[in-house]
PDB file of N, CA and C in Angstrom:
ATOM      1  N   MET A   1      -5.640  -8.224  -3.104  1.00  0.00           N
ATOM      2  CA  MET A   1      -7.027  -8.111  -3.460  1.00  0.00           C
ATOM      3  C   MET A   1      -7.446  -9.389  -4.158  1.00  0.00           C
ATOM      4  N   ASP A   2      -8.555  -9.901  -3.714  1.00  0.00           N
ATOM      5  CA  ASP A   2      -9.093 -11.119  -4.286  1.00  0.00           C
ATOM      6  C   ASP A   2      -9.618 -10.816  -5.692  1.00  0.00           C
ATOM      7  N   GLY A   3      -9.122 -11.558  -6.667  1.00  0.00           N
ATOM      8  CA  GLY A   3      -9.498 -11.323  -8.053  1.00  0.00           C
ATOM      9  C   GLY A   3     -10.930 -11.687  -8.363  1.00  0.00           C
ATOM     10  N   GLN A   4     -11.532 -12.594  -7.602  1.00  0.00           N
ATOM     11  CA  GLN A   4     -12.919 -13.007  -7.827  1.00  0.00           C
ATOM     12  C   GLN A   4     -13.906 -12.025  -7.199  1.00  0.00           C
ATOM     13  N   SER A   5     -13.744 -11.759  -5.917  1.00  0.00           N
ATOM     14  CA  SER A   5     -14.704 -10.926  -5.185  1.00  0.00           C
ATOM     15  C   SER A   5     -14.328  -9.447  -5.188  1.00  0.00           C
ATOM     16  N   GLN A   6     -13.085  -9.132  -5.582  1.00  0.00           N
ATOM     17  CA  GLN A   6     -12.546  -7.769  -5.553  1.00  0.00           C
ATOM     18  C   GLN A   6     -12.466  -7.224  -4.125  1.00  0.00           C
ATOM     19  N   ARG A   7     -12.470  -8.116  -3.127  1.00  0.00           N
ATOM     20  CA  ARG A   7     -12.333  -7.714  -1.732  1.00  0.00           C
ATOM     21  C   ARG A   7     -10.872  -7.494  -1.389  1.00  0.00           C
ATOM     22  N   LEU A   8     -10.651  -6.541  -0.512  1.00  0.00           N
ATOM     23  CA  LEU A   8      -9.315  -6.261  -0.002  1.00  0.00           C
ATOM     24  C   LEU A   8      -9.074  -7.160   1.194  1.00  0.00           C
ATOM     25  N   LEU A   9      -8.034  -7.973   1.122  1.00  0.00           N
ATOM     26  CA  LEU A   9      -7.666  -8.864   2.215  1.00  0.00           C
ATOM     27  C   LEU A   9      -6.318  -8.405   2.748  1.00  0.00           C
ATOM     28  N   LYS A  10      -6.242  -8.084   4.019  1.00  0.00           N
ATOM     29  CA  LYS A  10      -5.003  -7.560   4.595  1.00  0.00           C
ATOM     30  C   LYS A  10      -4.207  -8.689   5.226  1.00  0.00           C
ATOM     31  N   HIS A  11      -2.946  -8.784   4.835  1.00  0.00           N
ATOM     32  CA  HIS A  11      -2.004  -9.730   5.433  1.00  0.00           C
ATOM     33  C   HIS A  11      -0.874  -8.894   6.012  1.00  0.00           C
ATOM     34  N   HIS A  12      -0.680  -8.984   7.293  1.00  0.00           N
ATOM     35  CA  HIS A  12       0.282  -8.118   7.972  1.00  0.00           C
ATOM     36  C   HIS A  12       1.273  -8.957   8.769  1.00  0.00           C
ATOM     37  N   THR A  13       2.533  -8.557   8.705  1.00  0.00           N
ATOM     38  CA  THR A  13       3.548  -9.120   9.589  1.00  0.00           C
ATOM     39  C   THR A  13       4.247  -7.959  10.279  1.00  0.00           C
ATOM     40  N   ALA A  14       4.616  -8.132  11.510  1.00  0.00           N
ATOM     41  CA  ALA A  14       5.288  -7.077  12.277  1.00  0.00           C
ATOM     42  C   ALA A  14       6.792  -7.296  12.198  1.00  0.00           C
ATOM     43  N   ASN A  15       7.411  -6.767  11.176  1.00  0.00           N
ATOM     44  CA  ASN A  15       8.850  -6.894  10.984  1.00  0.00           C
ATOM     45  C   ASN A  15       9.487  -5.516  10.873  1.00  0.00           C
ATOM     46  N   LEU A  16      10.763  -5.467  11.134  1.00  0.00           N
ATOM     47  CA  LEU A  16      11.534  -4.249  10.909  1.00  0.00           C
ATOM     48  C   LEU A  16      11.720  -4.036   9.413  1.00  0.00           C
ATOM     49  N   ALA A  17      12.088  -2.832   9.053  1.00  0.00           N
ATOM     50  CA  ALA A  17      12.392  -2.553   7.658  1.00  0.00           C
ATOM     51  C   ALA A  17      13.579  -3.409   7.216  1.00  0.00           C
ATOM     52  N   LEU A  18      13.494  -3.951   6.036  1.00  0.00           N
ATOM     53  CA  LEU A  18      14.544  -4.802   5.492  1.00  0.00           C
ATOM     54  C   LEU A  18      15.841  -4.006   5.359  1.00  0.00           C
ATOM     55  N   GLY A  19      16.930  -4.536   5.898  1.00  0.00           N
ATOM     56  CA  GLY A  19      18.233  -3.889   5.804  1.00  0.00           C
ATOM     57  C   GLY A  19      18.523  -2.891   6.903  1.00  0.00           C
ATOM     58  N   LEU A  20      17.574  -2.668   7.797  1.00  0.00           N
ATOM     59  CA  LEU A  20      17.751  -1.682   8.858  1.00  0.00           C
ATOM     60  C   LEU A  20      18.763  -2.141   9.903  1.00  0.00           C
ATOM     61  N   ILE A  21      18.668  -3.394  10.297  1.00  0.00           N
ATOM     62  CA  ILE A  21      19.570  -3.957  11.304  1.00  0.00           C
ATOM     63  C   ILE A  21      20.214  -5.215  10.721  1.00  0.00           C
ATOM     64  N   PRO A  22      21.559  -5.254  10.693  1.00  0.00           N
ATOM     65  CA  PRO A  22      22.225  -6.450  10.165  1.00  0.00           C
ATOM     66  C   PRO A  22      21.823  -7.708  10.942  1.00  0.00           C
ATOM     67  N   HIS A  23      21.615  -8.790  10.239  1.00  0.00           N
ATOM     68  CA  HIS A  23      21.309 -10.095  10.817  1.00  0.00           C
ATOM     69  C   HIS A  23      19.992 -10.118  11.607  1.00  0.00           C
ATOM     70  N   ALA A  24      19.061  -9.237  11.282  1.00  0.00           N
ATOM     71  CA  ALA A  24      17.761  -9.219  11.962  1.00  0.00           C
ATOM     72  C   ALA A  24      16.978 -10.488  11.616  1.00  0.00           C
ATOM     73  N   GLN A  25      16.154 -10.925  12.538  1.00  0.00           N
ATOM     74  CA  GLN A  25      15.293 -12.080  12.323  1.00  0.00           C
ATOM     75  C   GLN A  25      13.931 -11.584  11.849  1.00  0.00           C
ATOM     76  N   PHE A  26      13.358 -12.265  10.868  1.00  0.00           N
ATOM     77  CA  PHE A  26      12.069 -11.875  10.322  1.00  0.00           C
ATOM     78  C   PHE A  26      11.087 -13.019  10.417  1.00  0.00           C
ATOM     79  N   SER A  27       9.833 -12.678  10.668  1.00  0.00           N
ATOM     80  CA  SER A  27       8.788 -13.703  10.638  1.00  0.00           C
ATOM     81  C   SER A  27       8.425 -13.963   9.176  1.00  0.00           C
ATOM     82  N   VAL A  28       7.870 -15.129   8.920  1.00  0.00           N
ATOM     83  CA  VAL A  28       7.523 -15.532   7.567  1.00  0.00           C
ATOM     84  C   VAL A  28       6.034 -15.836   7.523  1.00  0.00           C
ATOM     85  N   LYS A  29       5.389 -15.427   6.458  1.00  0.00           N
ATOM     86  CA  LYS A  29       3.974 -15.730   6.277  1.00  0.00           C
ATOM     87  C   LYS A  29       3.787 -16.184   4.837  1.00  0.00           C
ATOM     88  N   THR A  30       3.082 -17.275   4.652  1.00  0.00           N
ATOM     89  CA  THR A  30       2.816 -17.801   3.322  1.00  0.00           C
ATOM     90  C   THR A  30       1.357 -17.535   2.974  1.00  0.00           C
ATOM     91  N   VAL A  31       1.142 -16.966   1.801  1.00  0.00           N
ATOM     92  CA  VAL A  31      -0.202 -16.659   1.322  1.00  0.00           C
ATOM     93  C   VAL A  31      -0.328 -17.236  -0.077  1.00  0.00           C
ATOM     94  N   ALA A  32      -1.394 -17.973  -0.316  1.00  0.00           N
ATOM     95  CA  ALA A  32      -1.634 -18.540  -1.646  1.00  0.00           C
ATOM     96  C   ALA A  32      -2.410 -17.538  -2.490  1.00  0.00           C
ATOM     97  N   PHE A  33      -1.932 -17.302  -3.698  1.00  0.00           N
ATOM     98  CA  PHE A  33      -2.594 -16.388  -4.623  1.00  0.00           C
ATOM     99  C   PHE A  33      -3.199 -17.175  -5.774  1.00  0.00           C
ATOM    100  N   GLN A  34      -4.311 -16.675  -6.256  1.00  0.00           N
ATOM    101  CA  GLN A  34      -5.014 -17.280  -7.382  1.00  0.00           C
ATOM    102  C   GLN A  34      -4.903 -16.353  -8.588  1.00  0.00           C
ATOM    103  N   PRO A  35      -5.063 -16.872  -9.789  1.00  0.00           N
ATOM    104  CA  PRO A  35      -5.064 -16.007 -10.975  1.00  0.00           C
ATOM    105  C   PRO A  35      -6.087 -14.877 -10.804  1.00  0.00           C
ATOM    106  N   GLY A  36      -5.652 -13.669 -11.120  1.00  0.00           N
ATOM    107  CA  GLY A  36      -6.511 -12.492 -10.995  1.00  0.00           C
ATOM    108  C   GLY A  36      -6.333 -11.743  -9.692  1.00  0.00           C
ATOM    109  N   ASP A  37      -5.732 -12.377  -8.674  1.00  0.00           N
ATOM    110  CA  ASP A  37      -5.470 -11.692  -7.409  1.00  0.00           C
ATOM    111  C   ASP A  37      -4.381 -10.646  -7.626  1.00  0.00           C
ATOM    112  N   THR A  38      -4.446  -9.566  -6.866  1.00  0.00           N
ATOM    113  CA  THR A  38      -3.436  -8.516  -6.925  1.00  0.00           C
ATOM    114  C   THR A  38      -2.792  -8.377  -5.559  1.00  0.00           C
ATOM    115  N   PHE A  39      -1.482  -8.444  -5.523  1.00  0.00           N
ATOM    116  CA  PHE A  39      -0.690  -8.279  -4.308  1.00  0.00           C
ATOM    117  C   PHE A  39      -0.214  -6.832  -4.282  1.00  0.00           C
ATOM    118  N   VAL A  40      -0.535  -6.106  -3.212  1.00  0.00           N
ATOM    119  CA  VAL A  40      -0.136  -4.702  -3.080  1.00  0.00           C
ATOM    120  C   VAL A  40       0.738  -4.574  -1.848  1.00  0.00           C
ATOM    121  N   LEU A  41       1.924  -4.044  -2.038  1.00  0.00           N
ATOM    122  CA  LEU A  41       2.874  -3.826  -0.963  1.00  0.00           C
ATOM    123  C   LEU A  41       3.137  -2.325  -0.892  1.00  0.00           C
ATOM    124  N   TYR A  42       3.094  -1.755   0.313  1.00  0.00           N
ATOM    125  CA  TYR A  42       3.322  -0.315   0.452  1.00  0.00           C
ATOM    126  C   TYR A  42       4.105  -0.020   1.721  1.00  0.00           C
ATOM    127  N   SER A  43       4.824   1.096   1.690  1.00  0.00           N
ATOM    128  CA  SER A  43       5.590   1.533   2.861  1.00  0.00           C
ATOM    129  C   SER A  43       4.711   2.409   3.748  1.00  0.00           C
ATOM    130  N   ASP A  44       5.164   2.628   4.985  1.00  0.00           N
ATOM    131  CA  ASP A  44       4.395   3.439   5.919  1.00  0.00           C
ATOM    132  C   ASP A  44       4.258   4.890   5.466  1.00  0.00           C
ATOM    133  N   GLY A  45       5.146   5.343   4.610  1.00  0.00           N
ATOM    134  CA  GLY A  45       5.038   6.705   4.087  1.00  0.00           C
ATOM    135  C   GLY A  45       3.767   6.927   3.291  1.00  0.00           C
ATOM    136  N   ALA A  46       3.183   5.851   2.755  1.00  0.00           N
ATOM    137  CA  ALA A  46       1.958   5.966   1.970  1.00  0.00           C
ATOM    138  C   ALA A  46       0.773   6.369   2.843  1.00  0.00           C
ATOM    139  N   PHE A  47       0.737   5.953   4.089  1.00  0.00           N
ATOM    140  CA  PHE A  47      -0.407   6.307   4.941  1.00  0.00           C
ATOM    141  C   PHE A  47      -0.056   7.298   6.051  1.00  0.00           C
ATOM    142  N   GLU A  48       1.239   7.577   6.254  1.00  0.00           N
ATOM    143  CA  GLU A  48       1.634   8.555   7.268  1.00  0.00           C
ATOM    144  C   GLU A  48       1.786   9.958   6.690  1.00  0.00           C
ATOM    145  N   THR A  49       1.508  10.132   5.418  1.00  0.00           N
ATOM    146  CA  THR A  49       1.546  11.450   4.780  1.00  0.00           C
ATOM    147  C   THR A  49       0.562  12.386   5.471  1.00  0.00           C
ATOM    148  N   MET A  50       0.992  13.627   5.675  1.00  0.00           N
ATOM    149  CA  MET A  50       0.133  14.601   6.348  1.00  0.00           C
ATOM    150  C   MET A  50      -0.190  15.758   5.422  1.00  0.00           C
ATOM    151  N   ASN A  51      -1.350  16.370   5.634  1.00  0.00           N
ATOM    152  CA  ASN A  51      -1.729  17.543   4.849  1.00  0.00           C
ATOM    153  C   ASN A  51      -1.383  18.813   5.629  1.00  0.00           C
ATOM    154  N   ALA A  52      -1.710  19.955   5.067  1.00  0.00           N
ATOM    155  CA  ALA A  52      -1.363  21.239   5.677  1.00  0.00           C
ATOM    156  C   ALA A  52      -2.036  21.434   7.037  1.00  0.00           C
ATOM    157  N   GLN A  53      -3.177  20.770   7.264  1.00  0.00           N
ATOM    158  CA  GLN A  53      -3.887  20.896   8.543  1.00  0.00           C
ATOM    159  C   GLN A  53      -3.348  19.930   9.595  1.00  0.00           C
ATOM    160  N   GLY A  54      -2.389  19.101   9.229  1.00  0.00           N
ATOM    161  CA  GLY A  54      -1.806  18.145  10.157  1.00  0.00           C
ATOM    162  C   GLY A  54      -2.555  16.836  10.240  1.00  0.00           C
ATOM    163  N   ASP A  55      -3.506  16.619   9.318  1.00  0.00           N
ATOM    164  CA  ASP A  55      -4.241  15.356   9.281  1.00  0.00           C
ATOM    165  C   ASP A  55      -3.417  14.316   8.546  1.00  0.00           C
ATOM    166  N   MET A  56      -3.445  13.076   9.038  1.00  0.00           N
ATOM    167  CA  MET A  56      -2.722  11.983   8.405  1.00  0.00           C
ATOM    168  C   MET A  56      -3.621  11.300   7.375  1.00  0.00           C
ATOM    169  N   PHE A  57      -3.030  10.881   6.255  1.00  0.00           N
ATOM    170  CA  PHE A  57      -3.782  10.162   5.228  1.00  0.00           C
ATOM    171  C   PHE A  57      -4.425   8.919   5.836  1.00  0.00           C
ATOM    172  N   GLY A  58      -3.664   8.150   6.578  1.00  0.00           N
ATOM    173  CA  GLY A  58      -4.185   7.027   7.348  1.00  0.00           C
ATOM    174  C   GLY A  58      -4.342   5.738   6.566  1.00  0.00           C
ATOM    175  N   GLU A  59      -4.186   4.636   7.291  1.00  0.00           N
ATOM    176  CA  GLU A  59      -4.310   3.316   6.675  1.00  0.00           C
ATOM    177  C   GLU A  59      -5.745   3.019   6.259  1.00  0.00           C
ATOM    178  N   ALA A  60      -6.715   3.467   7.039  1.00  0.00           N
ATOM    179  CA  ALA A  60      -8.119   3.211   6.693  1.00  0.00           C
ATOM    180  C   ALA A  60      -8.464   3.872   5.355  1.00  0.00           C
ATOM    181  N   ARG A  61      -8.019   5.102   5.150  1.00  0.00           N
ATOM    182  CA  ARG A  61      -8.268   5.807   3.887  1.00  0.00           C
ATOM    183  C   ARG A  61      -7.565   5.087   2.737  1.00  0.00           C
ATOM    184  N   LEU A  62      -6.335   4.627   2.970  1.00  0.00           N
ATOM    185  CA  LEU A  62      -5.600   3.896   1.942  1.00  0.00           C
ATOM    186  C   LEU A  62      -6.322   2.603   1.583  1.00  0.00           C
ATOM    187  N   HIS A  63      -6.825   1.898   2.574  1.00  0.00           N
ATOM    188  CA  HIS A  63      -7.538   0.643   2.311  1.00  0.00           C
ATOM    189  C   HIS A  63      -8.836   0.888   1.546  1.00  0.00           C
ATOM    190  N   ARG A  64      -9.558   1.964   1.880  1.00  0.00           N
ATOM    191  CA  ARG A  64     -10.778   2.303   1.126  1.00  0.00           C
ATOM    192  C   ARG A  64     -10.437   2.618  -0.325  1.00  0.00           C
ATOM    193  N   LEU A  65      -9.335   3.337  -0.521  1.00  0.00           N
ATOM    194  CA  LEU A  65      -8.897   3.675  -1.877  1.00  0.00           C
ATOM    195  C   LEU A  65      -8.523   2.425  -2.654  1.00  0.00           C
ATOM    196  N   LEU A  66      -7.769   1.538  -2.036  1.00  0.00           N
ATOM    197  CA  LEU A  66      -7.386   0.295  -2.706  1.00  0.00           C
ATOM    198  C   LEU A  66      -8.613  -0.545  -3.052  1.00  0.00           C
ATOM    199  N   ALA A  67      -9.584  -0.595  -2.162  1.00  0.00           N
ATOM    200  CA  ALA A  67     -10.817  -1.347  -2.434  1.00  0.00           C
ATOM    201  C   ALA A  67     -11.558  -0.729  -3.622  1.00  0.00           C
ATOM    202  N   ARG A  68     -11.577   0.584  -3.701  1.00  0.00           N
ATOM    203  CA  ARG A  68     -12.235   1.284  -4.816  1.00  0.00           C
ATOM    204  C   ARG A  68     -11.526   1.015  -6.141  1.00  0.00           C
ATOM    205  N   LEU A  69     -10.213   0.800  -6.085  1.00  0.00           N
ATOM    206  CA  LEU A  69      -9.409   0.589  -7.287  1.00  0.00           C
ATOM    207  C   LEU A  69      -9.262  -0.885  -7.648  1.00  0.00           C
ATOM    208  N   ALA A  70      -9.911  -1.760  -6.892  1.00  0.00           N
ATOM    209  CA  ALA A  70      -9.802  -3.209  -7.137  1.00  0.00           C
ATOM    210  C   ALA A  70     -10.155  -3.528  -8.584  1.00  0.00           C
ATOM    211  N   GLY A  71      -9.371  -4.405  -9.185  1.00  0.00           N
ATOM    212  CA  GLY A  71      -9.601  -4.830 -10.563  1.00  0.00           C
ATOM    213  C   GLY A  71      -8.893  -3.980 -11.595  1.00  0.00           C
ATOM    214  N   ARG A  72      -8.391  -2.832 -11.202  1.00  0.00           N
ATOM    215  CA  ARG A  72      -7.659  -1.973 -12.141  1.00  0.00           C
ATOM    216  C   ARG A  72      -6.288  -2.581 -12.413  1.00  0.00           C
ATOM    217  N   PRO A  73      -5.691  -2.279 -13.562  1.00  0.00           N
ATOM    218  CA  PRO A  73      -4.333  -2.775 -13.834  1.00  0.00           C
ATOM    219  C   PRO A  73      -3.359  -2.270 -12.763  1.00  0.00           C
ATOM    220  N   PRO A  74      -2.358  -3.067 -12.404  1.00  0.00           N
ATOM    221  CA  PRO A  74      -1.419  -2.681 -11.343  1.00  0.00           C
ATOM    222  C   PRO A  74      -0.798  -1.293 -11.533  1.00  0.00           C
ATOM    223  N   ARG A  75      -0.402  -0.972 -12.745  1.00  0.00           N
ATOM    224  CA  ARG A  75       0.221   0.352 -12.964  1.00  0.00           C
ATOM    225  C   ARG A  75      -0.771   1.463 -12.662  1.00  0.00           C
ATOM    226  N   HIS A  76      -1.997   1.314 -13.129  1.00  0.00           N
ATOM    227  CA  HIS A  76      -3.032   2.319 -12.872  1.00  0.00           C
ATOM    228  C   HIS A  76      -3.323   2.425 -11.386  1.00  0.00           C
ATOM    229  N   LEU A  77      -3.367   1.299 -10.697  1.00  0.00           N
ATOM    230  CA  LEU A  77      -3.605   1.282  -9.258  1.00  0.00           C
ATOM    231  C   LEU A  77      -2.527   2.093  -8.531  1.00  0.00           C
ATOM    232  N   CYS A  78      -1.262   1.820  -8.826  1.00  0.00           N
ATOM    233  CA  CYS A  78      -0.151   2.535  -8.169  1.00  0.00           C
ATOM    234  C   CYS A  78      -0.184   4.028  -8.482  1.00  0.00           C
ATOM    235  N   GLU A  79      -0.385   4.371  -9.753  1.00  0.00           N
ATOM    236  CA  GLU A  79      -0.422   5.782 -10.147  1.00  0.00           C
ATOM    237  C   GLU A  79      -1.586   6.499  -9.473  1.00  0.00           C
ATOM    238  N   SER A  80      -2.735   5.840  -9.372  1.00  0.00           N
ATOM    239  CA  SER A  80      -3.908   6.453  -8.749  1.00  0.00           C
ATOM    240  C   SER A  80      -3.690   6.680  -7.257  1.00  0.00           C
ATOM    241  N   VAL A  81      -3.080   5.714  -6.584  1.00  0.00           N
ATOM    242  CA  VAL A  81      -2.799   5.871  -5.155  1.00  0.00           C
ATOM    243  C   VAL A  81      -1.828   7.028  -4.935  1.00  0.00           C
ATOM    244  N   LEU A  82      -0.767   7.080  -5.711  1.00  0.00           N
ATOM    245  CA  LEU A  82       0.206   8.169  -5.560  1.00  0.00           C
ATOM    246  C   LEU A  82      -0.435   9.527  -5.820  1.00  0.00           C
ATOM    247  N   GLN A  83      -1.303   9.610  -6.830  1.00  0.00           N
ATOM    248  CA  GLN A  83      -1.979  10.876  -7.138  1.00  0.00           C
ATOM    249  C   GLN A  83      -2.908  11.286  -5.999  1.00  0.00           C
ATOM    250  N   GLU A  84      -3.628  10.331  -5.445  1.00  0.00           N
ATOM    251  CA  GLU A  84      -4.536  10.616  -4.326  1.00  0.00           C
ATOM    252  C   GLU A  84      -3.762  11.109  -3.109  1.00  0.00           C
ATOM    253  N   ILE A  85      -2.608  10.501  -2.844  1.00  0.00           N
ATOM    254  CA  ILE A  85      -1.768  10.932  -1.727  1.00  0.00           C
ATOM    255  C   ILE A  85      -1.248  12.341  -1.971  1.00  0.00           C
ATOM    256  N   GLN A  86      -0.805  12.623  -3.179  1.00  0.00           N
ATOM    257  CA  GLN A  86      -0.311  13.972  -3.504  1.00  0.00           C
ATOM    258  C   GLN A  86      -1.417  15.012  -3.398  1.00  0.00           C
ATOM    259  N   ASP A  87      -2.615  14.670  -3.854  1.00  0.00           N
ATOM    260  CA  ASP A  87      -3.748  15.596  -3.746  1.00  0.00           C
ATOM    261  C   ASP A  87      -4.071  15.875  -2.281  1.00  0.00           C
ATOM    262  N   PHE A  88      -4.037  14.852  -1.445  1.00  0.00           N
ATOM    263  CA  PHE A  88      -4.309  15.000  -0.022  1.00  0.00           C
ATOM    264  C   PHE A  88      -3.241  15.871   0.641  1.00  0.00           C
ATOM    265  N   GLN A  89      -2.006  15.629   0.278  1.00  0.00           N
ATOM    266  CA  GLN A  89      -0.851  16.301   0.872  1.00  0.00           C
ATOM    267  C   GLN A  89      -0.811  17.783   0.522  1.00  0.00           C
ATOM    268  N   GLN A  90      -1.417  18.140  -0.598  1.00  0.00           N
ATOM    269  CA  GLN A  90      -1.394  19.498  -1.125  1.00  0.00           C
ATOM    270  C   GLN A  90       0.057  19.899  -1.375  1.00  0.00           C
ATOM    271  N   GLU A  91       0.477  21.006  -0.856  1.00  0.00           N
ATOM    272  CA  GLU A  91       1.844  21.489  -1.097  1.00  0.00           C
ATOM    273  C   GLU A  91       2.795  21.176   0.055  1.00  0.00           C
ATOM    274  N   ARG A  92       2.326  20.420   1.030  1.00  0.00           N
ATOM    275  CA  ARG A  92       3.168  20.095   2.190  1.00  0.00           C
ATOM    276  C   ARG A  92       4.335  19.205   1.767  1.00  0.00           C
ATOM    277  N   HIS A  93       5.505  19.451   2.348  1.00  0.00           N
ATOM    278  CA  HIS A  93       6.717  18.686   2.047  1.00  0.00           C
ATOM    279  C   HIS A  93       6.567  17.249   2.532  1.00  0.00           C
ATOM    280  N   GLN A  94       6.951  16.302   1.697  1.00  0.00           N
ATOM    281  CA  GLN A  94       6.900  14.879   2.052  1.00  0.00           C
ATOM    282  C   GLN A  94       8.038  14.552   3.008  1.00  0.00           C
ATOM    283  N   MET A  95       7.709  13.962   4.156  1.00  0.00           N
ATOM    284  CA  MET A  95       8.707  13.688   5.186  1.00  0.00           C
ATOM    285  C   MET A  95       9.273  12.276   5.117  1.00  0.00           C
ATOM    286  N   ASP A  96       8.628  11.375   4.391  1.00  0.00           N
ATOM    287  CA  ASP A  96       9.045   9.971   4.359  1.00  0.00           C
ATOM    288  C   ASP A  96       8.912   9.471   2.924  1.00  0.00           C
ATOM    289  N   ASP A  97       9.599   8.381   2.635  1.00  0.00           N
ATOM    290  CA  ASP A  97       9.460   7.799   1.303  1.00  0.00           C
ATOM    291  C   ASP A  97       8.068   7.197   1.152  1.00  0.00           C
ATOM    292  N   ILE A  98       7.586   7.155  -0.079  1.00  0.00           N
ATOM    293  CA  ILE A  98       6.338   6.473  -0.397  1.00  0.00           C
ATOM    294  C   ILE A  98       6.668   5.420  -1.427  1.00  0.00           C
ATOM    295  N   THR A  99       6.431   4.180  -1.060  1.00  0.00           N
ATOM    296  CA  THR A  99       6.677   3.065  -1.963  1.00  0.00           C
ATOM    297  C   THR A  99       5.389   2.283  -2.083  1.00  0.00           C
ATOM    298  N   ILE A 100       5.004   1.985  -3.328  1.00  0.00           N
ATOM    299  CA  ILE A 100       3.849   1.126  -3.555  1.00  0.00           C
ATOM    300  C   ILE A 100       4.144   0.233  -4.738  1.00  0.00           C
ATOM    301  N   LEU A 101       3.842  -1.047  -4.563  1.00  0.00           N
ATOM    302  CA  LEU A 101       4.097  -2.047  -5.584  1.00  0.00           C
ATOM    303  C   LEU A 101       2.847  -2.905  -5.712  1.00  0.00           C
ATOM    304  N   ALA A 102       2.362  -3.078  -6.930  1.00  0.00           N
ATOM    305  CA  ALA A 102       1.191  -3.928  -7.166  1.00  0.00           C
ATOM    306  C   ALA A 102       1.562  -4.977  -8.193  1.00  0.00           C
ATOM    307  N   ILE A 103       1.239  -6.232  -7.897  1.00  0.00           N
ATOM    308  CA  ILE A 103       1.551  -7.351  -8.796  1.00  0.00           C
ATOM    309  C   ILE A 103       0.277  -8.152  -8.998  1.00  0.00           C
ATOM    310  N   ARG A 104      -0.111  -8.354 -10.239  1.00  0.00           N
ATOM    311  CA  ARG A 104      -1.305  -9.159 -10.558  1.00  0.00           C
ATOM    312  C   ARG A 104      -0.862 -10.567 -10.885  1.00  0.00           C
ATOM    313  N   CYS A 105      -1.491 -11.541 -10.269  1.00  0.00           N
ATOM    314  CA  CYS A 105      -1.183 -12.951 -10.540  1.00  0.00           C
ATOM    315  C   CYS A 105      -1.901 -13.401 -11.799  1.00  0.00           C
ATOM    316  N   CYS A 106      -1.168 -14.103 -12.644  1.00  0.00           N
ATOM    317  CA  CYS A 106      -1.757 -14.595 -13.907  1.00  0.00           C
ATOM    318  C   CYS A 106      -2.111 -16.056 -13.801  1.00  0.00           C
TER     319      CYS A 106
END
């Protein structure tokens, strides 16, 4: 997230999960961060979560949520995303891991 405009900027690479296949080759992408920018990394479990009706949380919903939370402290951002996912999921069993990491550049 851009610290100045609070816009969500998506940087995506198509790589396998780290450690899944020994000696796998990975693409590299370099992104310059400015003070105030927030880097958010999440696993597919964050947007593939399903509710009791079989609806998926979805990447678009996650991106809207992240945009709404722009400027919040990283810990609050992560806790809010996890709470929103749990609320969406209701009592349905989680089928995949959910990992979210937010780092604010100083």
